[in-house]
Amino acid sequence: MQITVLKSKIHRAKVTQSNLNYIGSITIDQDLMDAAGFFEHEKVQIVNVNNGERFETYTILGKRGSGVICLNGPAARKVQVDDIIIIISYADMEIEEAKRWRPSVIFPNENNTLG
């Protein structure tokens, strides 16, 4: 049997942009993507701390070191610039593997950087 567990999380990032006229996704600074262990085009859940919205989209790489967190397409309607969000990905694994698993969780600062 498999269960779904937390794989990666960026906890409390600040939305820097929203772009309604894009095909969809969330653009994330590549430094944050790497640190959290997200893959490009990976399905993620977004939780908006400011308004309680929860929705799913997929990741695209943003410019390294830019601090960009941009919701694109319809997801742009669910956030405002400066909202605080949590970006979460999950993985399916066997129970024995899940018992040993440790997710990658990062906590960016107010500039969406790790420094």
C-alpha atoms as a PDB file:
ATOM      1  CA  MET A   1       0.000   0.000   0.000  1.00  0.00           C
ATOM      2  CA  GLN A   2       1.140   3.539  -0.703  1.00  0.00           C
ATOM      3  CA  ILE A   3       0.361   6.742   1.138  1.00  0.00           C
ATOM      4  CA  THR A   4       0.765  10.382   0.135  1.00  0.00           C
ATOM      5  CA  VAL A   5       3.201  12.408   2.250  1.00  0.00           C
ATOM      6  CA  LEU A   6       4.676  15.890   2.257  1.00  0.00           C
ATOM      7  CA  LYS A   7       7.612  16.020  -0.175  1.00  0.00           C
ATOM      8  CA  SER A   8       8.625  19.689  -0.211  1.00  0.00           C
ATOM      9  CA  LYS A   9       7.389  22.997   1.152  1.00  0.00           C
ATOM     10  CA  ILE A  10       8.226  26.665   0.815  1.00  0.00           C
ATOM     11  CA  HIS A  11       6.702  28.121   3.965  1.00  0.00           C
ATOM     12  CA  ARG A  12       5.465  31.726   3.941  1.00  0.00           C
ATOM     13  CA  ALA A  13       6.770  33.160   0.670  1.00  0.00           C
ATOM     14  CA  LYS A  14       5.563  36.596  -0.417  1.00  0.00           C
ATOM     15  CA  VAL A  15       3.721  36.957  -3.732  1.00  0.00           C
ATOM     16  CA  THR A  16       5.709  39.446  -5.812  1.00  0.00           C
ATOM     17  CA  GLN A  17       3.640  39.393  -9.012  1.00  0.00           C
ATOM     18  CA  SER A  18       0.449  38.103 -10.556  1.00  0.00           C
ATOM     19  CA  ASN A  19      -0.146  37.779 -14.283  1.00  0.00           C
ATOM     20  CA  LEU A  20      -3.701  36.967 -15.311  1.00  0.00           C
ATOM     21  CA  ASN A  21      -2.820  36.931 -19.030  1.00  0.00           C
ATOM     22  CA  TYR A  22      -0.570  33.890 -18.879  1.00  0.00           C
ATOM     23  CA  ILE A  23      -1.443  30.261 -19.549  1.00  0.00           C
ATOM     24  CA  GLY A  24      -1.160  29.226 -15.898  1.00  0.00           C
ATOM     25  CA  SER A  25       1.288  28.112 -13.210  1.00  0.00           C
ATOM     26  CA  ILE A  26       3.431  29.621 -10.459  1.00  0.00           C
ATOM     27  CA  THR A  27       6.818  31.116 -11.271  1.00  0.00           C
ATOM     28  CA  ILE A  28       9.286  30.498  -8.432  1.00  0.00           C
ATOM     29  CA  ASP A  29      12.849  31.803  -8.048  1.00  0.00           C
ATOM     30  CA  GLN A  30      15.136  28.941  -9.078  1.00  0.00           C
ATOM     31  CA  ASP A  31      17.123  29.251  -5.827  1.00  0.00           C
ATOM     32  CA  LEU A  32      13.949  28.550  -3.846  1.00  0.00           C
ATOM     33  CA  MET A  33      12.969  25.715  -6.186  1.00  0.00           C
ATOM     34  CA  ASP A  34      16.371  24.064  -5.731  1.00  0.00           C
ATOM     35  CA  ALA A  35      16.427  24.544  -1.954  1.00  0.00           C
ATOM     36  CA  ALA A  36      12.945  23.064  -1.528  1.00  0.00           C
ATOM     37  CA  GLY A  37      13.523  20.230  -3.978  1.00  0.00           C
ATOM     38  CA  PHE A  38      10.787  21.228  -6.419  1.00  0.00           C
ATOM     39  CA  PHE A  39      10.998  20.158 -10.052  1.00  0.00           C
ATOM     40  CA  GLU A  40      10.004  22.312 -12.991  1.00  0.00           C
ATOM     41  CA  HIS A  41       6.417  21.509 -14.025  1.00  0.00           C
ATOM     42  CA  GLU A  42       5.739  19.725 -10.723  1.00  0.00           C
ATOM     43  CA  LYS A  43       2.187  19.844  -9.405  1.00  0.00           C
ATOM     44  CA  VAL A  44       1.934  21.957  -6.254  1.00  0.00           C
ATOM     45  CA  GLN A  45      -0.725  23.070  -3.841  1.00  0.00           C
ATOM     46  CA  ILE A  46      -0.853  26.758  -2.954  1.00  0.00           C
ATOM     47  CA  VAL A  47      -2.262  27.888   0.387  1.00  0.00           C
ATOM     48  CA  ASN A  48      -2.897  31.631   0.713  1.00  0.00           C
ATOM     49  CA  VAL A  49      -2.394  32.642   4.347  1.00  0.00           C
ATOM     50  CA  ASN A  50      -4.133  35.991   3.762  1.00  0.00           C
ATOM     51  CA  ASN A  51      -7.452  34.750   2.403  1.00  0.00           C
ATOM     52  CA  GLY A  52      -7.552  30.984   3.015  1.00  0.00           C
ATOM     53  CA  GLU A  53      -7.619  30.007  -0.692  1.00  0.00           C
ATOM     54  CA  ARG A  54      -6.238  26.564  -1.551  1.00  0.00           C
ATOM     55  CA  PHE A  55      -5.605  25.556  -5.151  1.00  0.00           C
ATOM     56  CA  GLU A  56      -3.310  23.507  -7.352  1.00  0.00           C
ATOM     57  CA  THR A  57      -1.074  24.495 -10.235  1.00  0.00           C
ATOM     58  CA  TYR A  58       2.395  23.596 -11.494  1.00  0.00           C
ATOM     59  CA  THR A  59       5.823  25.184 -11.121  1.00  0.00           C
ATOM     60  CA  ILE A  60       7.935  27.034 -13.658  1.00  0.00           C
ATOM     61  CA  LEU A  61      11.445  28.311 -13.086  1.00  0.00           C
ATOM     62  CA  GLY A  62      11.922  31.951 -12.258  1.00  0.00           C
ATOM     63  CA  LYS A  63      15.140  33.917 -12.513  1.00  0.00           C
ATOM     64  CA  ARG A  64      17.704  32.712  -9.986  1.00  0.00           C
ATOM     65  CA  GLY A  65      18.173  35.174  -7.115  1.00  0.00           C
ATOM     66  CA  SER A  66      15.184  37.307  -8.121  1.00  0.00           C
ATOM     67  CA  GLY A  67      12.892  36.339  -5.229  1.00  0.00           C
ATOM     68  CA  VAL A  68      10.054  36.034  -7.747  1.00  0.00           C
ATOM     69  CA  ILE A  69       6.835  34.345  -6.704  1.00  0.00           C
ATOM     70  CA  CYS A  70       4.321  35.003  -9.488  1.00  0.00           C
ATOM     71  CA  LEU A  71       0.893  33.425  -9.850  1.00  0.00           C
ATOM     72  CA  ASN A  72      -0.075  33.148 -13.501  1.00  0.00           C
ATOM     73  CA  GLY A  73      -3.335  32.648 -15.364  1.00  0.00           C
ATOM     74  CA  PRO A  74      -6.525  31.949 -13.410  1.00  0.00           C
ATOM     75  CA  ALA A  75      -4.523  31.445 -10.193  1.00  0.00           C
ATOM     76  CA  ALA A  76      -3.695  35.159 -10.303  1.00  0.00           C
ATOM     77  CA  ARG A  77      -7.297  35.817  -9.226  1.00  0.00           C
ATOM     78  CA  LYS A  78      -6.701  33.936  -5.971  1.00  0.00           C
ATOM     79  CA  VAL A  79      -3.852  36.124  -4.691  1.00  0.00           C
ATOM     80  CA  GLN A  80      -2.748  39.706  -4.419  1.00  0.00           C
ATOM     81  CA  VAL A  81       0.801  41.004  -4.522  1.00  0.00           C
ATOM     82  CA  ASP A  82       2.287  40.866  -0.990  1.00  0.00           C
ATOM     83  CA  ASP A  83       0.037  37.981   0.096  1.00  0.00           C
ATOM     84  CA  ILE A  84       1.862  35.298   2.063  1.00  0.00           C
ATOM     85  CA  ILE A  85       1.569  31.793   0.619  1.00  0.00           C
ATOM     86  CA  ILE A  86       2.707  28.269   1.369  1.00  0.00           C
ATOM     87  CA  ILE A  87       3.765  26.138  -1.612  1.00  0.00           C
ATOM     88  CA  ILE A  88       3.470  22.388  -1.043  1.00  0.00           C
ATOM     89  CA  SER A  89       4.249  19.250  -3.028  1.00  0.00           C
ATOM     90  CA  TYR A  90       3.454  15.680  -2.096  1.00  0.00           C
ATOM     91  CA  ALA A  91       4.837  12.252  -3.002  1.00  0.00           C
ATOM     92  CA  ASP A  92       3.353   8.771  -3.014  1.00  0.00           C
ATOM     93  CA  MET A  93       5.446   6.089  -1.360  1.00  0.00           C
ATOM     94  CA  GLU A  94       5.287   2.761   0.351  1.00  0.00           C
ATOM     95  CA  ILE A  95       4.549   2.885   4.077  1.00  0.00           C
ATOM     96  CA  GLU A  96       7.993   1.590   5.076  1.00  0.00           C
ATOM     97  CA  GLU A  97       9.681   4.289   2.985  1.00  0.00           C
ATOM     98  CA  ALA A  98       7.328   6.924   4.425  1.00  0.00           C
ATOM     99  CA  LYS A  99       8.392   5.969   7.957  1.00  0.00           C
ATOM    100  CA  ARG A 100      11.971   7.021   7.102  1.00  0.00           C
ATOM    101  CA  TRP A 101      11.096   9.962   4.848  1.00  0.00           C
ATOM    102  CA  ARG A 102      12.014  13.528   5.844  1.00  0.00           C
ATOM    103  CA  PRO A 103      10.502  16.308   3.717  1.00  0.00           C
ATOM    104  CA  SER A 104      12.394  19.374   2.548  1.00  0.00           C
ATOM    105  CA  VAL A 105      10.947  22.513   4.156  1.00  0.00           C
ATOM    106  CA  ILE A 106      12.421  25.966   3.637  1.00  0.00           C
ATOM    107  CA  PHE A 107      11.607  29.296   5.257  1.00  0.00           C
ATOM    108  CA  PRO A 108      12.433  32.250   2.999  1.00  0.00           C
ATOM    109  CA  ASN A 109      12.862  35.710   4.474  1.00  0.00           C
ATOM    110  CA  GLU A 110      10.740  38.753   3.596  1.00  0.00           C
ATOM    111  CA  ASN A 111      12.660  39.121   0.310  1.00  0.00           C
ATOM    112  CA  ASN A 112      11.988  35.496  -0.713  1.00  0.00           C
ATOM    113  CA  THR A 113      15.641  34.605  -0.272  1.00  0.00           C
ATOM    114  CA  LEU A 114      17.337  32.197   2.090  1.00  0.00           C
ATOM    115  CA  GLY A 115      20.109  34.528   3.252  1.00  0.00           C
END
